[in-house]
Amino acid sequence: MAEHTAQVLWQRPPDAPFTDNRYSRRHVWRFDGGVEVPASSTPAMLPPPLSAIDAVDPEEAFVAALSSCHMLWFLAIAARKGYIVDAYEDHAVGHMGRNSAGRTAMVRVVLRPKVTFAGENRPDADALKELHHQAHEQCFIAHSVTSEVSIEPQANA
């Protein structure tokens, strides 16, 4: 099986205090190929300047990973079935709450994909629902988490 790696880098600035718990949570995620993503704790938990509003937090990344995995499988399945996808947009939302053990967790993720098709061969509502179902069944990330993941496709206006 394949390995997937990420490097997480944080460093305390010289002479900055630490034990007062007022250190910056800003850090960097580095991926293969040299891509770097600014990251931080969520401002919902720690207000700036302890967190960075212009960085990705782990909770957002979790939601984005689920959405991206679903989209990639959806595109592959749609292509295999002869549908031409022009655009795919998802406004995914993760919901934090208490899990069955009473711990704070991402308890639900809602994907809201809106897909634009081209050409004569376009899926009807049932076929579109089945495409999303198959994509969800194939998504590695969705099978790797214990939170509920639901799909709410959005109509294309």
C-alpha atoms as a PDB file:
ATOM      1  CA  MET A   1       0.000   0.000   0.000  1.00  0.00           C
ATOM      2  CA  ALA A   2       1.053   3.584  -0.536  1.00  0.00           C
ATOM      3  CA  GLU A   3       2.428   5.851   2.157  1.00  0.00           C
ATOM      4  CA  HIS A   4       1.315   9.448   2.444  1.00  0.00           C
ATOM      5  CA  THR A   5       3.397  11.891   4.409  1.00  0.00           C
ATOM      6  CA  ALA A   6       3.130  15.410   5.707  1.00  0.00           C
ATOM      7  CA  GLN A   7       5.677  17.423   7.599  1.00  0.00           C
ATOM      8  CA  VAL A   8       4.380  19.742  10.336  1.00  0.00           C
ATOM      9  CA  LEU A   9       6.767  22.515  11.356  1.00  0.00           C
ATOM     10  CA  TRP A  10       6.479  24.906  14.310  1.00  0.00           C
ATOM     11  CA  GLN A  11       9.207  26.913  15.984  1.00  0.00           C
ATOM     12  CA  ARG A  12       9.160  29.292  18.909  1.00  0.00           C
ATOM     13  CA  PRO A  13      10.655  32.658  18.011  1.00  0.00           C
ATOM     14  CA  PRO A  14      13.888  33.410  19.888  1.00  0.00           C
ATOM     15  CA  ASP A  15      13.277  34.899  23.329  1.00  0.00           C
ATOM     16  CA  ALA A  16       9.494  34.427  23.047  1.00  0.00           C
ATOM     17  CA  PRO A  17       7.801  33.147  26.196  1.00  0.00           C
ATOM     18  CA  PHE A  18       6.245  29.709  26.110  1.00  0.00           C
ATOM     19  CA  THR A  19       5.153  28.518  29.546  1.00  0.00           C
ATOM     20  CA  ASP A  20       2.625  31.379  29.827  1.00  0.00           C
ATOM     21  CA  ASN A  21       0.631  29.502  27.130  1.00  0.00           C
ATOM     22  CA  ARG A  22       0.465  32.640  24.983  1.00  0.00           C
ATOM     23  CA  TYR A  23       2.648  31.320  22.162  1.00  0.00           C
ATOM     24  CA  SER A  24       1.559  31.489  18.531  1.00  0.00           C
ATOM     25  CA  ARG A  25      -0.042  28.363  17.130  1.00  0.00           C
ATOM     26  CA  ARG A  26       0.930  29.368  13.568  1.00  0.00           C
ATOM     27  CA  HIS A  27       2.839  26.596  11.827  1.00  0.00           C
ATOM     28  CA  VAL A  28       3.423  25.104   8.368  1.00  0.00           C
ATOM     29  CA  TRP A  29       2.316  21.908   6.691  1.00  0.00           C
ATOM     30  CA  ARG A  30       4.811  20.748   4.069  1.00  0.00           C
ATOM     31  CA  PHE A  31       3.886  18.131   1.521  1.00  0.00           C
ATOM     32  CA  ASP A  32       5.801  16.200  -1.108  1.00  0.00           C
ATOM     33  CA  GLY A  33       6.591  18.285  -4.129  1.00  0.00           C
ATOM     34  CA  GLY A  34       7.425  21.238  -1.886  1.00  0.00           C
ATOM     35  CA  VAL A  35       3.905  22.564  -1.301  1.00  0.00           C
ATOM     36  CA  GLU A  36       3.649  24.495   1.956  1.00  0.00           C
ATOM     37  CA  VAL A  37       0.370  25.427   3.613  1.00  0.00           C
ATOM     38  CA  PRO A  38       0.142  27.952   6.443  1.00  0.00           C
ATOM     39  CA  ALA A  39      -1.634  26.306   9.362  1.00  0.00           C
ATOM     40  CA  SER A  40      -2.824  27.240  12.833  1.00  0.00           C
ATOM     41  CA  SER A  41      -5.192  26.233  15.575  1.00  0.00           C
ATOM     42  CA  THR A  42      -8.755  27.307  14.891  1.00  0.00           C
ATOM     43  CA  PRO A  43      -9.598  30.873  15.928  1.00  0.00           C
ATOM     44  CA  ALA A  44     -12.829  29.394  17.335  1.00  0.00           C
ATOM     45  CA  MET A  45     -10.728  27.870  20.130  1.00  0.00           C
ATOM     46  CA  LEU A  46      -7.920  30.403  20.456  1.00  0.00           C
ATOM     47  CA  PRO A  47      -8.440  33.982  19.287  1.00  0.00           C
ATOM     48  CA  PRO A  48      -5.752  35.841  17.340  1.00  0.00           C
ATOM     49  CA  PRO A  49      -2.896  36.509  17.832  1.00  0.00           C
ATOM     50  CA  LEU A  50      -2.569  33.038  19.382  1.00  0.00           C
ATOM     51  CA  SER A  51      -4.099  31.597  16.209  1.00  0.00           C
ATOM     52  CA  ALA A  52      -3.928  32.852  12.637  1.00  0.00           C
ATOM     53  CA  ILE A  53      -7.134  33.566  10.715  1.00  0.00           C
ATOM     54  CA  ASP A  54      -5.228  33.470   7.394  1.00  0.00           C
ATOM     55  CA  ALA A  55      -4.132  29.862   7.909  1.00  0.00           C
ATOM     56  CA  VAL A  56      -5.814  26.466   7.612  1.00  0.00           C
ATOM     57  CA  ASP A  57      -6.758  24.765  10.853  1.00  0.00           C
ATOM     58  CA  PRO A  58      -6.868  20.964  11.292  1.00  0.00           C
ATOM     59  CA  GLU A  59     -10.649  20.932  11.435  1.00  0.00           C
ATOM     60  CA  GLU A  60     -10.923  22.757   8.090  1.00  0.00           C
ATOM     61  CA  ALA A  61      -8.320  20.438   6.587  1.00  0.00           C
ATOM     62  CA  PHE A  62     -10.287  17.406   7.760  1.00  0.00           C
ATOM     63  CA  VAL A  63     -13.436  18.681   6.030  1.00  0.00           C
ATOM     64  CA  ALA A  64     -11.477  19.607   2.886  1.00  0.00           C
ATOM     65  CA  ALA A  65      -9.849  16.159   2.736  1.00  0.00           C
ATOM     66  CA  LEU A  66     -13.254  14.455   2.859  1.00  0.00           C
ATOM     67  CA  SER A  67     -14.661  16.783   0.212  1.00  0.00           C
ATOM     68  CA  SER A  68     -11.651  16.430  -2.072  1.00  0.00           C
ATOM     69  CA  CYS A  69     -11.614  12.630  -1.822  1.00  0.00           C
ATOM     70  CA  HIS A  70     -15.323  12.459  -2.640  1.00  0.00           C
ATOM     71  CA  MET A  71     -14.874  14.810  -5.609  1.00  0.00           C
ATOM     72  CA  LEU A  72     -11.962  12.857  -7.070  1.00  0.00           C
ATOM     73  CA  TRP A  73     -13.915   9.610  -6.935  1.00  0.00           C
ATOM     74  CA  PHE A  74     -17.028  11.311  -8.322  1.00  0.00           C
ATOM     75  CA  LEU A  75     -15.089  12.655 -11.320  1.00  0.00           C
ATOM     76  CA  ALA A  76     -13.533   9.249 -12.022  1.00  0.00           C
ATOM     77  CA  ILE A  77     -16.888   7.440 -11.847  1.00  0.00           C
ATOM     78  CA  ALA A  78     -18.674  10.088 -13.938  1.00  0.00           C
ATOM     79  CA  ALA A  79     -15.989   9.873 -16.645  1.00  0.00           C
ATOM     80  CA  ARG A  80     -16.200   6.077 -16.679  1.00  0.00           C
ATOM     81  CA  LYS A  81     -19.984   6.331 -17.188  1.00  0.00           C
ATOM     82  CA  GLY A  82     -19.569   8.762 -20.094  1.00  0.00           C
ATOM     83  CA  TYR A  83     -20.731  11.936 -18.332  1.00  0.00           C
ATOM     84  CA  ILE A  84     -18.808  15.138 -19.060  1.00  0.00           C
ATOM     85  CA  VAL A  85     -18.282  17.228 -15.925  1.00  0.00           C
ATOM     86  CA  ASP A  86     -17.587  20.910 -16.547  1.00  0.00           C
ATOM     87  CA  ALA A  87     -17.439  22.067 -12.920  1.00  0.00           C
ATOM     88  CA  TYR A  88     -17.662  20.713  -9.390  1.00  0.00           C
ATOM     89  CA  GLU A  89     -18.095  22.965  -6.377  1.00  0.00           C
ATOM     90  CA  ASP A  90     -18.593  21.910  -2.778  1.00  0.00           C
ATOM     91  CA  HIS A  91     -19.324  24.042   0.266  1.00  0.00           C
ATOM     92  CA  ALA A  92     -18.614  21.371   2.863  1.00  0.00           C
ATOM     93  CA  VAL A  93     -19.297  21.915   6.561  1.00  0.00           C
ATOM     94  CA  GLY A  94     -17.923  20.043   9.557  1.00  0.00           C
ATOM     95  CA  HIS A  95     -19.827  20.031  12.832  1.00  0.00           C
ATOM     96  CA  MET A  96     -18.004  19.760  16.146  1.00  0.00           C
ATOM     97  CA  GLY A  97     -19.793  18.256  19.098  1.00  0.00           C
ATOM     98  CA  ARG A  98     -19.596  15.543  21.717  1.00  0.00           C
ATOM     99  CA  ASN A  99     -19.133  11.979  20.527  1.00  0.00           C
ATOM    100  CA  SER A 100     -20.577   8.904  22.239  1.00  0.00           C
ATOM    101  CA  ALA A 101     -17.667   8.924  24.697  1.00  0.00           C
ATOM    102  CA  GLY A 102     -18.432  12.541  25.639  1.00  0.00           C
ATOM    103  CA  ARG A 103     -15.298  13.875  23.934  1.00  0.00           C
ATOM    104  CA  THR A 104     -15.158  16.829  21.571  1.00  0.00           C
ATOM    105  CA  ALA A 105     -14.986  15.498  18.029  1.00  0.00           C
ATOM    106  CA  MET A 106     -15.937  16.219  14.452  1.00  0.00           C
ATOM    107  CA  VAL A 107     -19.259  14.416  14.752  1.00  0.00           C
ATOM    108  CA  ARG A 108     -20.713  15.187  11.330  1.00  0.00           C
ATOM    109  CA  VAL A 109     -19.514  16.393   7.966  1.00  0.00           C
ATOM    110  CA  VAL A 110     -21.948  17.522   5.285  1.00  0.00           C
ATOM    111  CA  LEU A 111     -20.764  17.658   1.691  1.00  0.00           C
ATOM    112  CA  ARG A 112     -22.848  19.859  -0.615  1.00  0.00           C
ATOM    113  CA  PRO A 113     -21.487  19.245  -4.097  1.00  0.00           C
ATOM    114  CA  LYS A 114     -22.920  21.162  -7.039  1.00  0.00           C
ATOM    115  CA  VAL A 115     -21.942  19.586 -10.351  1.00  0.00           C
ATOM    116  CA  THR A 116     -22.284  21.105 -13.808  1.00  0.00           C
ATOM    117  CA  PHE A 117     -22.445  18.665 -16.706  1.00  0.00           C
ATOM    118  CA  ALA A 118     -21.939  19.266 -20.430  1.00  0.00           C
ATOM    119  CA  GLY A 119     -23.130  17.422 -23.513  1.00  0.00           C
ATOM    120  CA  GLU A 120     -26.259  15.420 -24.193  1.00  0.00           C
ATOM    121  CA  ASN A 121     -25.533  12.572 -21.752  1.00  0.00           C
ATOM    122  CA  ARG A 122     -26.465  14.043 -18.368  1.00  0.00           C
ATOM    123  CA  PRO A 123     -27.489  12.078 -15.285  1.00  0.00           C
ATOM    124  CA  ASP A 124     -31.052  12.415 -14.030  1.00  0.00           C
ATOM    125  CA  ALA A 125     -31.661  12.925 -10.296  1.00  0.00           C
ATOM    126  CA  ASP A 126     -31.499   9.198  -9.498  1.00  0.00           C
ATOM    127  CA  ALA A 127     -28.321   8.668 -11.518  1.00  0.00           C
ATOM    128  CA  LEU A 128     -26.710  11.696  -9.858  1.00  0.00           C
ATOM    129  CA  LYS A 129     -27.594  10.333  -6.429  1.00  0.00           C
ATOM    130  CA  GLU A 130     -26.071   6.973  -7.412  1.00  0.00           C
ATOM    131  CA  LEU A 131     -22.867   8.674  -8.649  1.00  0.00           C
ATOM    132  CA  HIS A 132     -22.488  10.356  -5.256  1.00  0.00           C
ATOM    133  CA  HIS A 133     -23.263   7.105  -3.450  1.00  0.00           C
ATOM    134  CA  GLN A 134     -20.591   5.250  -5.432  1.00  0.00           C
ATOM    135  CA  ALA A 135     -18.066   8.047  -4.839  1.00  0.00           C
ATOM    136  CA  HIS A 136     -18.748   7.890  -1.106  1.00  0.00           C
ATOM    137  CA  GLU A 137     -18.337   4.117  -1.124  1.00  0.00           C
ATOM    138  CA  GLN A 138     -14.911   4.473  -2.785  1.00  0.00           C
ATOM    139  CA  CYS A 139     -13.550   7.411  -0.743  1.00  0.00           C
ATOM    140  CA  PHE A 140     -10.615   6.246   1.399  1.00  0.00           C
ATOM    141  CA  ILE A 141     -10.901   9.219   3.737  1.00  0.00           C
ATOM    142  CA  ALA A 142     -14.595   8.620   4.458  1.00  0.00           C
ATOM    143  CA  HIS A 143     -13.738   5.031   5.421  1.00  0.00           C
ATOM    144  CA  SER A 144     -10.978   6.255   7.707  1.00  0.00           C
ATOM    145  CA  VAL A 145     -13.102   8.323  10.069  1.00  0.00           C
ATOM    146  CA  THR A 146     -15.754   7.540  12.632  1.00  0.00           C
ATOM    147  CA  SER A 147     -17.795  10.721  12.253  1.00  0.00           C
ATOM    148  CA  GLU A 148     -20.905  10.650  10.124  1.00  0.00           C
ATOM    149  CA  VAL A 149     -20.293  11.828   6.580  1.00  0.00           C
ATOM    150  CA  SER A 150     -23.373  12.762   4.582  1.00  0.00           C
ATOM    151  CA  ILE A 151     -23.725  14.047   1.048  1.00  0.00           C
ATOM    152  CA  GLU A 152     -26.239  16.765   0.133  1.00  0.00           C
ATOM    153  CA  PRO A 153     -25.808  17.500  -3.581  1.00  0.00           C
ATOM    154  CA  GLN A 154     -26.823  21.048  -4.492  1.00  0.00           C
ATOM    155  CA  ALA A 155     -28.941  21.885  -7.508  1.00  0.00           C
ATOM    156  CA  ASN A 156     -27.181  23.792 -10.239  1.00  0.00           C
ATOM    157  CA  ALA A 157     -29.070  27.018 -10.942  1.00  0.00           C
END
